[in-house]
Amino acid sequence: MGVGYERTDELYNLFGLEQGIQADAWWLSISSHITRKLELRGKARYLSYNDHNTGRHYLLEAGYTLTDHPRLFKVAGLVEHRDTKEHNA
């Protein structure tokens, strides 16, 4: 389990690069090995952008290990949801 804060440059596309968008992000994460082969991880982030917008980002990941040591083969799935208060044009 973890809790944290980070300040990031949001330079994922041309809009973010041109605007110089930065975000203050508070996050909470949790991960667990449910069984020896099954693991789950979740993370929630609250973002406050320097253009006075806010957002939320949720992530859920599950992984299952099919083979054991020495060669590890794992199948994983990831679901994300992102939402901001204001849409930018």
PDB file of N, CA and C in Angstrom:
ATOM      1  N   MET A   1       0.849  -1.165   0.000  1.00  0.00           N
ATOM      2  CA  MET A   1       0.000   0.000   0.000  1.00  0.00           C
ATOM      3  C   MET A   1       0.897   1.231   0.000  1.00  0.00           C
ATOM      4  N   GLY A   2       0.472   2.271  -0.686  1.00  0.00           N
ATOM      5  CA  GLY A   2       1.264   3.489  -0.723  1.00  0.00           C
ATOM      6  C   GLY A   2       0.404   4.723  -0.891  1.00  0.00           C
ATOM      7  N   VAL A   3       0.929   5.825  -0.419  1.00  0.00           N
ATOM      8  CA  VAL A   3       0.303   7.134  -0.554  1.00  0.00           C
ATOM      9  C   VAL A   3       1.410   8.087  -0.981  1.00  0.00           C
ATOM     10  N   GLY A   4       1.104   9.004  -1.887  1.00  0.00           N
ATOM     11  CA  GLY A   4       2.166   9.897  -2.308  1.00  0.00           C
ATOM     12  C   GLY A   4       1.690  11.144  -3.008  1.00  0.00           C
ATOM     13  N   TYR A   5       2.661  11.976  -3.329  1.00  0.00           N
ATOM     14  CA  TYR A   5       2.448  13.231  -4.035  1.00  0.00           C
ATOM     15  C   TYR A   5       3.542  13.351  -5.093  1.00  0.00           C
ATOM     16  N   GLU A   6       3.176  13.866  -6.261  1.00  0.00           N
ATOM     17  CA  GLU A   6       4.176  14.121  -7.290  1.00  0.00           C
ATOM     18  C   GLU A   6       3.736  15.298  -8.150  1.00  0.00           C
ATOM     19  N   ARG A   7       4.710  16.023  -8.673  1.00  0.00           N
ATOM     20  CA  ARG A   7       4.439  17.108  -9.633  1.00  0.00           C
ATOM     21  C   ARG A   7       5.021  16.654 -10.962  1.00  0.00           C
ATOM     22  N   THR A   8       4.174  16.661 -12.005  1.00  0.00           N
ATOM     23  CA  THR A   8       4.600  16.142 -13.295  1.00  0.00           C
ATOM     24  C   THR A   8       4.334  17.146 -14.412  1.00  0.00           C
ATOM     25  N   ASP A   9       5.150  17.064 -15.455  1.00  0.00           N
ATOM     26  CA  ASP A   9       4.900  17.790 -16.691  1.00  0.00           C
ATOM     27  C   ASP A   9       3.988  16.917 -17.535  1.00  0.00           C
ATOM     28  N   GLU A  10       2.861  17.440 -17.964  1.00  0.00           N
ATOM     29  CA  GLU A  10       1.887  16.683 -18.741  1.00  0.00           C
ATOM     30  C   GLU A  10       2.126  16.936 -20.235  1.00  0.00           C
ATOM     31  N   LEU A  11       3.169  16.332 -20.756  1.00  0.00           N
ATOM     32  CA  LEU A  11       3.603  16.577 -22.131  1.00  0.00           C
ATOM     33  C   LEU A  11       3.315  15.368 -23.006  1.00  0.00           C
ATOM     34  N   TYR A  12       2.072  14.908 -22.996  1.00  0.00           N
ATOM     35  CA  TYR A  12       1.701  13.692 -23.719  1.00  0.00           C
ATOM     36  C   TYR A  12       1.301  13.954 -25.170  1.00  0.00           C
ATOM     37  N   ASN A  13       0.986  15.219 -25.502  1.00  0.00           N
ATOM     38  CA  ASN A  13       0.580  15.544 -26.863  1.00  0.00           C
ATOM     39  C   ASN A  13       0.978  16.986 -27.160  1.00  0.00           C
ATOM     40  N   LEU A  14       0.690  17.439 -28.361  1.00  0.00           N
ATOM     41  CA  LEU A  14       1.077  18.777 -28.787  1.00  0.00           C
ATOM     42  C   LEU A  14       0.399  19.859 -27.942  1.00  0.00           C
ATOM     43  N   PHE A  15      -0.866  19.640 -27.550  1.00  0.00           N
ATOM     44  CA  PHE A  15      -1.580  20.615 -26.714  1.00  0.00           C
ATOM     45  C   PHE A  15      -0.845  20.829 -25.386  1.00  0.00           C
ATOM     46  N   GLY A  16      -0.495  19.741 -24.725  1.00  0.00           N
ATOM     47  CA  GLY A  16       0.211  19.851 -23.447  1.00  0.00           C
ATOM     48  C   GLY A  16       1.575  20.491 -23.600  1.00  0.00           C
ATOM     49  N   LEU A  17       2.256  20.199 -24.693  1.00  0.00           N
ATOM     50  CA  LEU A  17       3.566  20.779 -24.948  1.00  0.00           C
ATOM     51  C   LEU A  17       3.468  22.281 -25.176  1.00  0.00           C
ATOM     52  N   GLU A  18       2.495  22.701 -25.983  1.00  0.00           N
ATOM     53  CA  GLU A  18       2.316  24.127 -26.268  1.00  0.00           C
ATOM     54  C   GLU A  18       1.872  24.908 -25.031  1.00  0.00           C
ATOM     55  N   GLN A  19       1.027  24.323 -24.205  1.00  0.00           N
ATOM     56  CA  GLN A  19       0.494  25.005 -23.032  1.00  0.00           C
ATOM     57  C   GLN A  19       1.418  24.924 -21.817  1.00  0.00           C
ATOM     58  N   GLY A  20       2.374  23.991 -21.820  1.00  0.00           N
ATOM     59  CA  GLY A  20       3.258  23.816 -20.668  1.00  0.00           C
ATOM     60  C   GLY A  20       2.502  23.340 -19.438  1.00  0.00           C
ATOM     61  N   ILE A  21       1.585  22.413 -19.620  1.00  0.00           N
ATOM     62  CA  ILE A  21       0.720  21.937 -18.538  1.00  0.00           C
ATOM     63  C   ILE A  21       1.526  21.120 -17.525  1.00  0.00           C
ATOM     64  N   GLN A  22       1.319  21.411 -16.251  1.00  0.00           N
ATOM     65  CA  GLN A  22       1.873  20.641 -15.146  1.00  0.00           C
ATOM     66  C   GLN A  22       0.738  20.237 -14.224  1.00  0.00           C
ATOM     67  N   ALA A  23       0.961  19.159 -13.468  1.00  0.00           N
ATOM     68  CA  ALA A  23      -0.074  18.674 -12.556  1.00  0.00           C
ATOM     69  C   ALA A  23       0.529  18.318 -11.208  1.00  0.00           C
ATOM     70  N   ASP A  24      -0.187  18.680 -10.160  1.00  0.00           N
ATOM     71  CA  ASP A  24       0.107  18.195  -8.812  1.00  0.00           C
ATOM     72  C   ASP A  24      -0.812  17.001  -8.591  1.00  0.00           C
ATOM     73  N   ALA A  25      -0.227  15.854  -8.295  1.00  0.00           N
ATOM     74  CA  ALA A  25      -1.013  14.627  -8.174  1.00  0.00           C
ATOM     75  C   ALA A  25      -0.843  14.010  -6.793  1.00  0.00           C
ATOM     76  N   TRP A  26      -1.964  13.754  -6.156  1.00  0.00           N
ATOM     77  CA  TRP A  26      -2.000  12.976  -4.914  1.00  0.00           C
ATOM     78  C   TRP A  26      -2.503  11.595  -5.288  1.00  0.00           C
ATOM     79  N   TRP A  27      -1.852  10.546  -4.801  1.00  0.00           N
ATOM     80  CA  TRP A  27      -2.250   9.201  -5.195  1.00  0.00           C
ATOM     81  C   TRP A  27      -2.266   8.237  -4.020  1.00  0.00           C
ATOM     82  N   LEU A  28      -3.068   7.201  -4.206  1.00  0.00           N
ATOM     83  CA  LEU A  28      -3.195   6.103  -3.256  1.00  0.00           C
ATOM     84  C   LEU A  28      -3.145   4.823  -4.073  1.00  0.00           C
ATOM     85  N   SER A  29      -2.278   3.893  -3.685  1.00  0.00           N
ATOM     86  CA  SER A  29      -2.176   2.636  -4.429  1.00  0.00           C
ATOM     87  C   SER A  29      -2.183   1.462  -3.467  1.00  0.00           C
ATOM     88  N   ILE A  30      -2.618   0.330  -4.002  1.00  0.00           N
ATOM     89  CA  ILE A  30      -2.640  -0.903  -3.231  1.00  0.00           C
ATOM     90  C   ILE A  30      -2.351  -2.052  -4.195  1.00  0.00           C
ATOM     91  N   SER A  31      -1.576  -3.011  -3.734  1.00  0.00           N
ATOM     92  CA  SER A  31      -1.303  -4.195  -4.549  1.00  0.00           C
ATOM     93  C   SER A  31      -1.203  -5.404  -3.627  1.00  0.00           C
ATOM     94  N   SER A  32      -1.562  -6.563  -4.189  1.00  0.00           N
ATOM     95  CA  SER A  32      -1.570  -7.769  -3.372  1.00  0.00           C
ATOM     96  C   SER A  32      -1.428  -8.999  -4.255  1.00  0.00           C
ATOM     97  N   HIS A  33      -0.725  -9.977  -3.764  1.00  0.00           N
ATOM     98  CA  HIS A  33      -0.708 -11.298  -4.377  1.00  0.00           C
ATOM     99  C   HIS A  33      -1.839 -12.087  -3.717  1.00  0.00           C
ATOM    100  N   ILE A  34      -2.932 -12.264  -4.442  1.00  0.00           N
ATOM    101  CA  ILE A  34      -4.090 -12.973  -3.911  1.00  0.00           C
ATOM    102  C   ILE A  34      -3.731 -14.440  -3.686  1.00  0.00           C
ATOM    103  N   THR A  35      -3.105 -15.034  -4.680  1.00  0.00           N
ATOM    104  CA  THR A  35      -2.536 -16.374  -4.557  1.00  0.00           C
ATOM    105  C   THR A  35      -1.099 -16.274  -5.052  1.00  0.00           C
ATOM    106  N   ARG A  36      -0.411 -17.404  -5.095  1.00  0.00           N
ATOM    107  CA  ARG A  36       0.968 -17.385  -5.572  1.00  0.00           C
ATOM    108  C   ARG A  36       1.055 -16.964  -7.034  1.00  0.00           C
ATOM    109  N   LYS A  37       0.010 -17.210  -7.801  1.00  0.00           N
ATOM    110  CA  LYS A  37       0.024 -16.898  -9.223  1.00  0.00           C
ATOM    111  C   LYS A  37      -0.825 -15.686  -9.619  1.00  0.00           C
ATOM    112  N   LEU A  38      -1.740 -15.266  -8.768  1.00  0.00           N
ATOM    113  CA  LEU A  38      -2.652 -14.166  -9.091  1.00  0.00           C
ATOM    114  C   LEU A  38      -2.304 -12.926  -8.277  1.00  0.00           C
ATOM    115  N   GLU A  39      -2.138 -11.803  -8.982  1.00  0.00           N
ATOM    116  CA  GLU A  39      -1.879 -10.547  -8.281  1.00  0.00           C
ATOM    117  C   GLU A  39      -2.792  -9.441  -8.806  1.00  0.00           C
ATOM    118  N   LEU A  40      -3.155  -8.524  -7.924  1.00  0.00           N
ATOM    119  CA  LEU A  40      -4.009  -7.384  -8.249  1.00  0.00           C
ATOM    120  C   LEU A  40      -3.317  -6.102  -7.816  1.00  0.00           C
ATOM    121  N   ARG A  41      -3.571  -5.035  -8.588  1.00  0.00           N
ATOM    122  CA  ARG A  41      -3.007  -3.731  -8.250  1.00  0.00           C
ATOM    123  C   ARG A  41      -4.030  -2.665  -8.607  1.00  0.00           C
ATOM    124  N   GLY A  42      -4.193  -1.681  -7.747  1.00  0.00           N
ATOM    125  CA  GLY A  42      -5.100  -0.575  -8.006  1.00  0.00           C
ATOM    126  C   GLY A  42      -4.452   0.742  -7.619  1.00  0.00           C
ATOM    127  N   LYS A  43      -4.819   1.811  -8.325  1.00  0.00           N
ATOM    128  CA  LYS A  43      -4.268   3.123  -8.014  1.00  0.00           C
ATOM    129  C   LYS A  43      -5.315   4.183  -8.328  1.00  0.00           C
ATOM    130  N   ALA A  44      -5.449   5.158  -7.452  1.00  0.00           N
ATOM    131  CA  ALA A  44      -6.344   6.293  -7.650  1.00  0.00           C
ATOM    132  C   ALA A  44      -5.509   7.563  -7.507  1.00  0.00           C
ATOM    133  N   ARG A  45      -5.688   8.492  -8.460  1.00  0.00           N
ATOM    134  CA  ARG A  45      -4.947   9.756  -8.438  1.00  0.00           C
ATOM    135  C   ARG A  45      -5.918  10.922  -8.556  1.00  0.00           C
ATOM    136  N   TYR A  46      -5.675  11.969  -7.779  1.00  0.00           N
ATOM    137  CA  TYR A  46      -6.380  13.242  -7.919  1.00  0.00           C
ATOM    138  C   TYR A  46      -5.376  14.242  -8.469  1.00  0.00           C
ATOM    139  N   LEU A  47      -5.705  14.889  -9.586  1.00  0.00           N
ATOM    140  CA  LEU A  47      -4.781  15.803 -10.252  1.00  0.00           C
ATOM    141  C   LEU A  47      -5.302  17.230 -10.225  1.00  0.00           C
ATOM    142  N   SER A  48      -4.432  18.158  -9.937  1.00  0.00           N
ATOM    143  CA  SER A  48      -4.736  19.585  -9.990  1.00  0.00           C
ATOM    144  C   SER A  48      -3.758  20.210 -10.984  1.00  0.00           C
ATOM    145  N   TYR A  49      -4.285  20.647 -12.136  1.00  0.00           N
ATOM    146  CA  TYR A  49      -3.450  21.175 -13.208  1.00  0.00           C
ATOM    147  C   TYR A  49      -3.183  22.664 -13.016  1.00  0.00           C
ATOM    148  N   ASN A  50      -2.072  23.156 -13.598  1.00  0.00           N
ATOM    149  CA  ASN A  50      -1.735  24.573 -13.442  1.00  0.00           C
ATOM    150  C   ASN A  50      -2.620  25.493 -14.288  1.00  0.00           C
ATOM    151  N   ASP A  51      -3.521  24.939 -15.117  1.00  0.00           N
ATOM    152  CA  ASP A  51      -4.483  25.766 -15.851  1.00  0.00           C
ATOM    153  C   ASP A  51      -5.839  25.806 -15.136  1.00  0.00           C
ATOM    154  N   HIS A  52      -5.847  25.499 -13.845  1.00  0.00           N
ATOM    155  CA  HIS A  52      -7.015  25.551 -12.958  1.00  0.00           C
ATOM    156  C   HIS A  52      -8.047  24.464 -13.261  1.00  0.00           C
ATOM    157  N   ASN A  53      -7.635  23.397 -13.909  1.00  0.00           N
ATOM    158  CA  ASN A  53      -8.497  22.251 -14.154  1.00  0.00           C
ATOM    159  C   ASN A  53      -8.143  21.167 -13.131  1.00  0.00           C
ATOM    160  N   THR A  54      -9.055  20.256 -12.894  1.00  0.00           N
ATOM    161  CA  THR A  54      -8.788  19.127 -12.002  1.00  0.00           C
ATOM    162  C   THR A  54      -9.188  17.839 -12.705  1.00  0.00           C
ATOM    163  N   GLY A  55      -8.659  16.738 -12.208  1.00  0.00           N
ATOM    164  CA  GLY A  55      -8.984  15.463 -12.824  1.00  0.00           C
ATOM    165  C   GLY A  55      -8.811  14.301 -11.863  1.00  0.00           C
ATOM    166  N   ARG A  56      -9.366  13.179 -12.280  1.00  0.00           N
ATOM    167  CA  ARG A  56      -9.237  11.934 -11.521  1.00  0.00           C
ATOM    168  C   ARG A  56      -8.765  10.850 -12.484  1.00  0.00           C
ATOM    169  N   HIS A  57      -7.948   9.947 -11.986  1.00  0.00           N
ATOM    170  CA  HIS A  57      -7.403   8.854 -12.794  1.00  0.00           C
ATOM    171  C   HIS A  57      -7.435   7.592 -11.940  1.00  0.00           C
ATOM    172  N   TYR A  58      -8.113   6.566 -12.443  1.00  0.00           N
ATOM    173  CA  TYR A  58      -8.215   5.292 -11.734  1.00  0.00           C
ATOM    174  C   TYR A  58      -7.603   4.196 -12.589  1.00  0.00           C
ATOM    175  N   LEU A  59      -6.922   3.266 -11.954  1.00  0.00           N
ATOM    176  CA  LEU A  59      -6.250   2.178 -12.656  1.00  0.00           C
ATOM    177  C   LEU A  59      -6.455   0.882 -11.881  1.00  0.00           C
ATOM    178  N   LEU A  60      -6.782  -0.177 -12.597  1.00  0.00           N
ATOM    179  CA  LEU A  60      -6.916  -1.502 -11.996  1.00  0.00           C
ATOM    180  C   LEU A  60      -6.208  -2.494 -12.907  1.00  0.00           C
ATOM    181  N   GLU A  61      -5.321  -3.303 -12.334  1.00  0.00           N
ATOM    182  CA  GLU A  61      -4.552  -4.264 -13.107  1.00  0.00           C
ATOM    183  C   GLU A  61      -4.600  -5.624 -12.415  1.00  0.00           C
ATOM    184  N   ALA A  62      -4.746  -6.660 -13.220  1.00  0.00           N
ATOM    185  CA  ALA A  62      -4.722  -8.035 -12.715  1.00  0.00           C
ATOM    186  C   ALA A  62      -3.730  -8.822 -13.553  1.00  0.00           C
ATOM    187  N   GLY A  63      -2.980  -9.687 -12.904  1.00  0.00           N
ATOM    188  CA  GLY A  63      -2.012 -10.515 -13.607  1.00  0.00           C
ATOM    189  C   GLY A  63      -2.060 -11.945 -13.096  1.00  0.00           C
ATOM    190  N   TYR A  64      -1.881 -12.894 -14.016  1.00  0.00           N
ATOM    191  CA  TYR A  64      -1.867 -14.307 -13.645  1.00  0.00           C
ATOM    192  C   TYR A  64      -0.634 -14.946 -14.261  1.00  0.00           C
ATOM    193  N   THR A  65       0.169 -15.592 -13.444  1.00  0.00           N
ATOM    194  CA  THR A  65       1.387 -16.256 -13.887  1.00  0.00           C
ATOM    195  C   THR A  65       1.046 -17.672 -14.324  1.00  0.00           C
ATOM    196  N   LEU A  66       1.332 -17.986 -15.592  1.00  0.00           N
ATOM    197  CA  LEU A  66       1.002 -19.293 -16.146  1.00  0.00           C
ATOM    198  C   LEU A  66       2.112 -20.321 -15.944  1.00  0.00           C
ATOM    199  N   THR A  67       3.349 -19.881 -15.979  1.00  0.00           N
ATOM    200  CA  THR A  67       4.476 -20.803 -15.792  1.00  0.00           C
ATOM    201  C   THR A  67       5.306 -20.354 -14.605  1.00  0.00           C
ATOM    202  N   ASP A  68       6.111 -21.247 -14.119  1.00  0.00           N
ATOM    203  CA  ASP A  68       6.906 -20.975 -12.927  1.00  0.00           C
ATOM    204  C   ASP A  68       8.371 -20.796 -13.295  1.00  0.00           C
ATOM    205  N   HIS A  69       9.179 -20.617 -12.304  1.00  0.00           N
ATOM    206  CA  HIS A  69      10.625 -20.433 -12.433  1.00  0.00           C
ATOM    207  C   HIS A  69      11.236 -21.596 -13.207  1.00  0.00           C
ATOM    208  N   PRO A  70      12.214 -21.458 -14.053  1.00  0.00           N
ATOM    209  CA  PRO A  70      13.044 -20.279 -14.340  1.00  0.00           C
ATOM    210  C   PRO A  70      12.487 -19.385 -15.432  1.00  0.00           C
ATOM    211  N   ARG A  71      11.551 -19.862 -16.251  1.00  0.00           N
ATOM    212  CA  ARG A  71      10.962 -19.014 -17.294  1.00  0.00           C
ATOM    213  C   ARG A  71       9.546 -18.633 -16.869  1.00  0.00           C
ATOM    214  N   LEU A  72       9.350 -17.345 -16.723  1.00  0.00           N
ATOM    215  CA  LEU A  72       8.081 -16.839 -16.220  1.00  0.00           C
ATOM    216  C   LEU A  72       7.243 -16.314 -17.377  1.00  0.00           C
ATOM    217  N   PHE A  73       6.000 -16.779 -17.484  1.00  0.00           N
ATOM    218  CA  PHE A  73       5.057 -16.273 -18.488  1.00  0.00           C
ATOM    219  C   PHE A  73       3.819 -15.806 -17.739  1.00  0.00           C
ATOM    220  N   LYS A  74       3.512 -14.517 -17.890  1.00  0.00           N
ATOM    221  CA  LYS A  74       2.415 -13.908 -17.144  1.00  0.00           C
ATOM    222  C   LYS A  74       1.466 -13.213 -18.111  1.00  0.00           C
ATOM    223  N   VAL A  75       0.178 -13.357 -17.872  1.00  0.00           N
ATOM    224  CA  VAL A  75      -0.860 -12.659 -18.629  1.00  0.00           C
ATOM    225  C   VAL A  75      -1.430 -11.577 -17.716  1.00  0.00           C
ATOM    226  N   ALA A  76      -1.533 -10.359 -18.270  1.00  0.00           N
ATOM    227  CA  ALA A  76      -2.015  -9.246 -17.446  1.00  0.00           C
ATOM    228  C   ALA A  76      -3.047  -8.434 -18.222  1.00  0.00           C
ATOM    229  N   GLY A  77      -3.981  -7.855 -17.483  1.00  0.00           N
ATOM    230  CA  GLY A  77      -4.981  -6.966 -18.050  1.00  0.00           C
ATOM    231  C   GLY A  77      -4.995  -5.669 -17.271  1.00  0.00           C
ATOM    232  N   LEU A  78      -5.278  -4.564 -17.955  1.00  0.00           N
ATOM    233  CA  LEU A  78      -5.251  -3.245 -17.344  1.00  0.00           C
ATOM    234  C   LEU A  78      -6.488  -2.464 -17.768  1.00  0.00           C
ATOM    235  N   VAL A  79      -7.148  -1.828 -16.805  1.00  0.00           N
ATOM    236  CA  VAL A  79      -8.312  -0.974 -17.058  1.00  0.00           C
ATOM    237  C   VAL A  79      -8.003   0.388 -16.453  1.00  0.00           C
ATOM    238  N   GLU A  80      -8.236   1.460 -17.232  1.00  0.00           N
ATOM    239  CA  GLU A  80      -8.010   2.818 -16.750  1.00  0.00           C
ATOM    240  C   GLU A  80      -9.243   3.675 -17.014  1.00  0.00           C
ATOM    241  N   HIS A  81      -9.470   4.641 -16.130  1.00  0.00           N
ATOM    242  CA  HIS A  81     -10.525   5.634 -16.327  1.00  0.00           C
ATOM    243  C   HIS A  81      -9.936   6.990 -15.973  1.00  0.00           C
ATOM    244  N   ARG A  82     -10.077   7.948 -16.888  1.00  0.00           N
ATOM    245  CA  ARG A  82      -9.594   9.308 -16.661  1.00  0.00           C
ATOM    246  C   ARG A  82     -10.757  10.273 -16.881  1.00  0.00           C
ATOM    247  N   ASP A  83     -10.841  11.279 -16.027  1.00  0.00           N
ATOM    248  CA  ASP A  83     -11.909  12.267 -16.146  1.00  0.00           C
ATOM    249  C   ASP A  83     -11.382  13.614 -15.649  1.00  0.00           C
ATOM    250  N   THR A  84     -11.685  14.686 -16.382  1.00  0.00           N
ATOM    251  CA  THR A  84     -11.324  16.030 -15.957  1.00  0.00           C
ATOM    252  C   THR A  84     -12.587  16.872 -15.793  1.00  0.00           C
ATOM    253  N   LYS A  85     -12.483  17.886 -14.964  1.00  0.00           N
ATOM    254  CA  LYS A  85     -13.633  18.755 -14.700  1.00  0.00           C
ATOM    255  C   LYS A  85     -14.006  19.556 -15.945  1.00  0.00           C
ATOM    256  N   GLU A  86     -13.022  20.148 -16.595  1.00  0.00           N
ATOM    257  CA  GLU A  86     -13.249  20.976 -17.783  1.00  0.00           C
ATOM    258  C   GLU A  86     -12.613  20.312 -18.992  1.00  0.00           C
ATOM    259  N   HIS A  87     -13.300  20.384 -20.138  1.00  0.00           N
ATOM    260  CA  HIS A  87     -12.735  19.900 -21.396  1.00  0.00           C
ATOM    261  C   HIS A  87     -12.028  21.056 -22.089  1.00  0.00           C
ATOM    262  N   ASN A  88     -10.885  20.775 -22.667  1.00  0.00           N
ATOM    263  CA  ASN A  88     -10.126  21.813 -23.374  1.00  0.00           C
ATOM    264  C   ASN A  88     -10.301  21.661 -24.869  1.00  0.00           C
ATOM    265  N   ALA A  89     -10.312  22.770 -25.565  1.00  0.00           N
ATOM    266  CA  ALA A  89     -10.455  22.750 -27.029  1.00  0.00           C
ATOM    267  C   ALA A  89      -9.110  22.860 -27.701  1.00  0.00           C
TER     268      ALA A  89
END
